[in-house]
Amino acid sequence: MSNIILLKCITCEKEYQPSAVDYTCPDCGPLLGTQEVLYDYDAVKKELTHDYLSSNKDFTHWRYLPLLPINNPDFIQPLSVGWTPIYFNVAIVQELGVKS
């Protein structure tokens, strides 16, 4: 599902398969070994079309799923993140005595 081709260390430029490391270069360490994400932009372009974005009513960061390092969509959390989601909390409403 992910359109990530490789991860490349920004310090030593060593390349890794996305499944091989956890986003930092094992040689350069967590402070200097940040990984640049290299995408298959041709595949992304086929998925993130103008029509897809204009018709997609998912106003969370998940609308950009082709750009995220998610290999298994079963691990996607149900909470909305991004575009300032507002959650109604019954317990807080009752505790504070909010009318509407």
N, C-alpha and C. Protein backbone atom coordinates (compact mmCIF):
# COMPACT_ATOMS: atom_id res chain seq x y z
N MET A 1 0.81 -1.19 0.00
CA MET A 1 0.00 0.00 0.00
C MET A 1 0.85 1.26 0.00
N SER A 2 1.97 1.23 0.69
CA SER A 2 2.82 2.40 0.79
C SER A 2 3.55 2.62 -0.53
N ASN A 3 3.71 3.89 -0.90
CA ASN A 3 4.42 4.25 -2.12
C ASN A 3 5.86 4.66 -1.85
N ILE A 4 6.39 4.23 -0.72
CA ILE A 4 7.76 4.55 -0.36
C ILE A 4 8.69 3.53 -1.01
N ILE A 5 9.70 4.04 -1.71
CA ILE A 5 10.67 3.18 -2.37
C ILE A 5 11.84 2.87 -1.43
N LEU A 6 12.44 3.92 -0.88
CA LEU A 6 13.62 3.78 -0.04
C LEU A 6 13.63 4.83 1.05
N LEU A 7 14.43 4.57 2.07
CA LEU A 7 14.78 5.58 3.06
C LEU A 7 16.26 5.86 2.88
N LYS A 8 16.64 7.15 2.90
CA LYS A 8 18.04 7.51 2.66
C LYS A 8 18.51 8.43 3.78
N CYS A 9 19.61 8.06 4.43
CA CYS A 9 20.17 8.86 5.52
C CYS A 9 20.63 10.21 4.98
N ILE A 10 20.23 11.30 5.65
CA ILE A 10 20.62 12.62 5.17
C ILE A 10 22.07 12.95 5.50
N THR A 11 22.72 12.15 6.35
CA THR A 11 24.11 12.40 6.70
C THR A 11 25.07 11.56 5.86
N CYS A 12 24.94 10.25 5.91
CA CYS A 12 25.88 9.37 5.19
C CYS A 12 25.34 8.91 3.83
N GLU A 13 24.08 9.20 3.55
CA GLU A 13 23.41 8.87 2.28
C GLU A 13 23.26 7.37 2.03
N LYS A 14 23.42 6.57 3.07
CA LYS A 14 23.18 5.14 2.94
C LYS A 14 21.68 4.92 2.75
N GLU A 15 21.32 3.98 1.88
CA GLU A 15 19.91 3.72 1.57
C GLU A 15 19.44 2.44 2.25
N TYR A 16 18.18 2.47 2.69
CA TYR A 16 17.59 1.34 3.39
C TYR A 16 16.21 1.04 2.82
N GLN A 17 15.83 -0.21 2.87
CA GLN A 17 14.46 -0.58 2.56
C GLN A 17 13.58 -0.06 3.70
N PRO A 18 12.36 0.38 3.40
CA PRO A 18 11.49 0.93 4.45
C PRO A 18 11.27 -0.02 5.63
N SER A 19 11.27 -1.31 5.38
CA SER A 19 11.03 -2.27 6.47
C SER A 19 12.30 -2.60 7.26
N ALA A 20 13.45 -2.09 6.81
CA ALA A 20 14.72 -2.47 7.43
C ALA A 20 15.10 -1.63 8.65
N VAL A 21 14.64 -0.38 8.71
CA VAL A 21 15.02 0.52 9.81
C VAL A 21 13.80 1.30 10.27
N ASP A 22 13.92 1.88 11.46
CA ASP A 22 12.83 2.66 12.03
C ASP A 22 13.06 4.16 11.87
N TYR A 23 13.27 4.61 10.67
CA TYR A 23 13.34 6.03 10.32
C TYR A 23 14.58 6.77 10.80
N THR A 24 15.54 6.08 11.39
CA THR A 24 16.84 6.69 11.65
C THR A 24 17.92 5.71 11.21
N CYS A 25 19.01 6.26 10.75
CA CYS A 25 20.13 5.45 10.27
C CYS A 25 20.82 4.78 11.46
N PRO A 26 20.99 3.46 11.42
CA PRO A 26 21.66 2.78 12.53
C PRO A 26 23.13 3.18 12.68
N ASP A 27 23.77 3.62 11.59
CA ASP A 27 25.17 4.03 11.65
C ASP A 27 25.34 5.44 12.21
N CYS A 28 24.44 6.36 11.85
CA CYS A 28 24.58 7.77 12.25
C CYS A 28 23.83 8.10 13.53
N GLY A 29 22.93 7.22 13.94
CA GLY A 29 22.21 7.43 15.19
C GLY A 29 21.01 8.35 15.05
N PRO A 30 20.25 8.48 16.14
CA PRO A 30 19.00 9.23 16.07
C PRO A 30 19.16 10.74 15.89
N LEU A 31 20.30 11.32 16.28
CA LEU A 31 20.45 12.76 16.14
C LEU A 31 20.85 13.18 14.73
N LEU A 32 21.72 12.42 14.09
CA LEU A 32 22.20 12.78 12.76
C LEU A 32 21.64 11.90 11.65
N GLY A 33 21.03 10.80 12.01
CA GLY A 33 20.63 9.81 11.02
C GLY A 33 19.19 9.88 10.56
N THR A 34 18.66 11.09 10.44
CA THR A 34 17.29 11.24 9.94
C THR A 34 17.22 10.68 8.52
N GLN A 35 16.15 9.97 8.24
CA GLN A 35 15.98 9.35 6.92
C GLN A 35 15.11 10.23 6.02
N GLU A 36 15.59 10.47 4.81
CA GLU A 36 14.77 11.11 3.78
C GLU A 36 13.92 10.01 3.16
N VAL A 37 12.65 10.29 2.95
CA VAL A 37 11.75 9.30 2.37
C VAL A 37 11.72 9.50 0.86
N LEU A 38 12.03 8.46 0.10
CA LEU A 38 11.99 8.51 -1.36
C LEU A 38 10.74 7.78 -1.84
N TYR A 39 9.89 8.51 -2.55
CA TYR A 39 8.59 7.99 -2.98
C TYR A 39 8.61 7.56 -4.44
N ASP A 40 7.70 6.67 -4.77
CA ASP A 40 7.40 6.34 -6.16
C ASP A 40 6.36 7.37 -6.62
N TYR A 41 6.84 8.52 -7.09
CA TYR A 41 5.94 9.62 -7.42
C TYR A 41 5.00 9.31 -8.58
N ASP A 42 5.40 8.42 -9.48
CA ASP A 42 4.49 8.02 -10.56
C ASP A 42 3.27 7.31 -9.98
N ALA A 43 3.49 6.43 -9.01
CA ALA A 43 2.37 5.73 -8.36
C ALA A 43 1.52 6.70 -7.55
N VAL A 44 2.16 7.62 -6.83
CA VAL A 44 1.42 8.62 -6.04
C VAL A 44 0.56 9.48 -6.96
N LYS A 45 1.12 9.88 -8.09
CA LYS A 45 0.40 10.74 -9.03
C LYS A 45 -0.86 10.05 -9.55
N LYS A 46 -0.82 8.74 -9.70
CA LYS A 46 -2.00 8.00 -10.16
C LYS A 46 -3.09 7.96 -9.10
N GLU A 47 -2.70 7.99 -7.82
CA GLU A 47 -3.68 7.91 -6.72
C GLU A 47 -4.17 9.28 -6.27
N LEU A 48 -3.27 10.23 -6.12
CA LEU A 48 -3.64 11.56 -5.62
C LEU A 48 -3.94 12.50 -6.79
N THR A 49 -5.00 12.22 -7.48
CA THR A 49 -5.39 13.05 -8.62
C THR A 49 -6.24 14.23 -8.14
N HIS A 50 -6.42 15.19 -9.00
CA HIS A 50 -7.28 16.33 -8.68
C HIS A 50 -8.69 15.86 -8.36
N ASP A 51 -9.21 14.93 -9.15
CA ASP A 51 -10.56 14.40 -8.91
C ASP A 51 -10.65 13.71 -7.55
N TYR A 52 -9.63 12.93 -7.20
CA TYR A 52 -9.63 12.25 -5.90
C TYR A 52 -9.68 13.26 -4.76
N LEU A 53 -8.82 14.27 -4.82
CA LEU A 53 -8.77 15.25 -3.73
C LEU A 53 -10.01 16.13 -3.67
N SER A 54 -10.57 16.49 -4.81
CA SER A 54 -11.75 17.35 -4.80
C SER A 54 -13.01 16.60 -4.38
N SER A 55 -13.05 15.30 -4.59
CA SER A 55 -14.24 14.53 -4.21
C SER A 55 -14.10 13.83 -2.86
N ASN A 56 -12.90 13.78 -2.32
CA ASN A 56 -12.65 13.09 -1.06
C ASN A 56 -13.13 13.95 0.11
N LYS A 57 -14.09 13.46 0.84
CA LYS A 57 -14.67 14.21 1.96
C LYS A 57 -14.02 13.84 3.29
N ASP A 58 -12.94 13.10 3.25
CA ASP A 58 -12.19 12.78 4.46
C ASP A 58 -11.26 13.95 4.74
N PHE A 59 -11.64 14.81 5.68
CA PHE A 59 -10.86 16.01 5.97
C PHE A 59 -9.88 15.77 7.11
N THR A 60 -9.21 14.64 7.07
CA THR A 60 -8.16 14.33 8.03
C THR A 60 -6.89 14.07 7.23
N HIS A 61 -5.83 13.80 7.95
CA HIS A 61 -4.57 13.50 7.26
C HIS A 61 -4.64 12.20 6.48
N TRP A 62 -5.65 11.36 6.74
CA TRP A 62 -5.75 10.08 6.03
C TRP A 62 -6.10 10.26 4.56
N ARG A 63 -6.56 11.43 4.15
CA ARG A 63 -6.81 11.65 2.72
C ARG A 63 -5.51 11.59 1.93
N TYR A 64 -4.39 11.76 2.62
CA TYR A 64 -3.07 11.70 1.98
C TYR A 64 -2.38 10.36 2.23
N LEU A 65 -3.16 9.33 2.42
CA LEU A 65 -2.64 7.99 2.72
C LEU A 65 -1.56 7.52 1.75
N PRO A 66 -1.66 7.81 0.44
CA PRO A 66 -0.60 7.35 -0.47
C PRO A 66 0.79 7.93 -0.14
N LEU A 67 0.83 9.01 0.65
CA LEU A 67 2.11 9.60 1.03
C LEU A 67 2.57 9.19 2.43
N LEU A 68 1.78 8.40 3.11
CA LEU A 68 2.12 8.01 4.47
C LEU A 68 2.72 6.60 4.50
N PRO A 69 3.62 6.35 5.44
CA PRO A 69 4.29 5.04 5.50
C PRO A 69 3.44 3.99 6.19
N ILE A 70 2.25 3.74 5.65
CA ILE A 70 1.33 2.76 6.22
C ILE A 70 1.28 1.56 5.28
N ASN A 71 1.78 0.43 5.75
CA ASN A 71 1.74 -0.78 4.93
C ASN A 71 0.46 -1.58 5.14
N ASN A 72 -0.12 -1.47 6.32
CA ASN A 72 -1.32 -2.23 6.63
C ASN A 72 -2.40 -1.28 7.15
N PRO A 73 -3.44 -1.01 6.36
CA PRO A 73 -4.48 -0.07 6.79
C PRO A 73 -5.26 -0.54 8.01
N ASP A 74 -5.12 -1.80 8.40
CA ASP A 74 -5.80 -2.29 9.60
C ASP A 74 -5.28 -1.60 10.86
N PHE A 75 -4.09 -1.01 10.78
CA PHE A 75 -3.50 -0.35 11.95
C PHE A 75 -3.87 1.12 12.05
N ILE A 76 -4.69 1.62 11.14
CA ILE A 76 -5.11 3.02 11.18
C ILE A 76 -6.06 3.23 12.36
N GLN A 77 -5.77 4.22 13.17
CA GLN A 77 -6.60 4.53 14.33
C GLN A 77 -7.88 5.25 13.90
N PRO A 78 -8.98 5.07 14.62
CA PRO A 78 -10.25 5.65 14.20
C PRO A 78 -10.40 7.14 14.51
N LEU A 79 -9.54 7.73 15.31
CA LEU A 79 -9.68 9.15 15.64
C LEU A 79 -9.29 10.03 14.47
N SER A 80 -10.04 11.10 14.27
CA SER A 80 -9.71 12.07 13.24
C SER A 80 -8.60 12.97 13.74
N VAL A 81 -7.64 13.23 12.89
CA VAL A 81 -6.54 14.12 13.22
C VAL A 81 -6.37 15.07 12.05
N GLY A 82 -6.23 16.33 12.32
CA GLY A 82 -6.07 17.33 11.27
C GLY A 82 -7.38 18.01 10.95
N TRP A 83 -7.30 19.19 10.38
CA TRP A 83 -8.45 20.01 10.01
C TRP A 83 -9.31 20.32 11.24
N THR A 84 -8.71 20.35 12.41
CA THR A 84 -9.34 20.70 13.69
C THR A 84 -10.64 19.95 13.94
N PRO A 85 -10.55 18.63 14.13
CA PRO A 85 -11.77 17.88 14.45
C PRO A 85 -12.26 18.24 15.85
N ILE A 86 -13.56 18.28 16.01
CA ILE A 86 -14.17 18.56 17.31
C ILE A 86 -14.94 17.33 17.74
N TYR A 87 -14.68 16.88 18.95
CA TYR A 87 -15.35 15.71 19.49
C TYR A 87 -16.32 16.13 20.57
N PHE A 88 -17.51 15.59 20.53
CA PHE A 88 -18.52 15.84 21.55
C PHE A 88 -18.27 14.90 22.71
N ASN A 89 -18.12 15.44 23.90
CA ASN A 89 -17.82 14.63 25.08
C ASN A 89 -18.97 14.76 26.07
N VAL A 90 -19.80 13.75 26.15
CA VAL A 90 -20.99 13.77 27.00
C VAL A 90 -20.62 13.99 28.47
N ALA A 91 -19.58 13.34 28.94
CA ALA A 91 -19.19 13.45 30.35
C ALA A 91 -18.82 14.89 30.71
N ILE A 92 -18.08 15.56 29.86
CA ILE A 92 -17.70 16.95 30.15
C ILE A 92 -18.92 17.86 30.08
N VAL A 93 -19.79 17.65 29.11
CA VAL A 93 -21.02 18.45 28.99
C VAL A 93 -21.84 18.33 30.27
N GLN A 94 -22.00 17.12 30.75
CA GLN A 94 -22.79 16.91 31.97
C GLN A 94 -22.10 17.51 33.19
N GLU A 95 -20.80 17.35 33.28
CA GLU A 95 -20.06 17.87 34.44
C GLU A 95 -20.10 19.39 34.49
N LEU A 96 -19.99 20.04 33.33
CA LEU A 96 -19.97 21.50 33.29
C LEU A 96 -21.36 22.10 33.19
N GLY A 97 -22.37 21.28 32.92
CA GLY A 97 -23.73 21.78 32.80
C GLY A 97 -23.98 22.58 31.54
N VAL A 98 -23.29 22.25 30.47
CA VAL A 98 -23.45 22.95 29.20
C VAL A 98 -24.82 22.62 28.61
N LYS A 99 -25.54 23.66 28.15
CA LYS A 99 -26.90 23.47 27.62
C LYS A 99 -26.88 23.06 26.15
N SER A 100 -26.04 23.69 25.35
CA SER A 100 -26.00 23.32 23.93
C SER A 100 -24.63 23.53 23.35
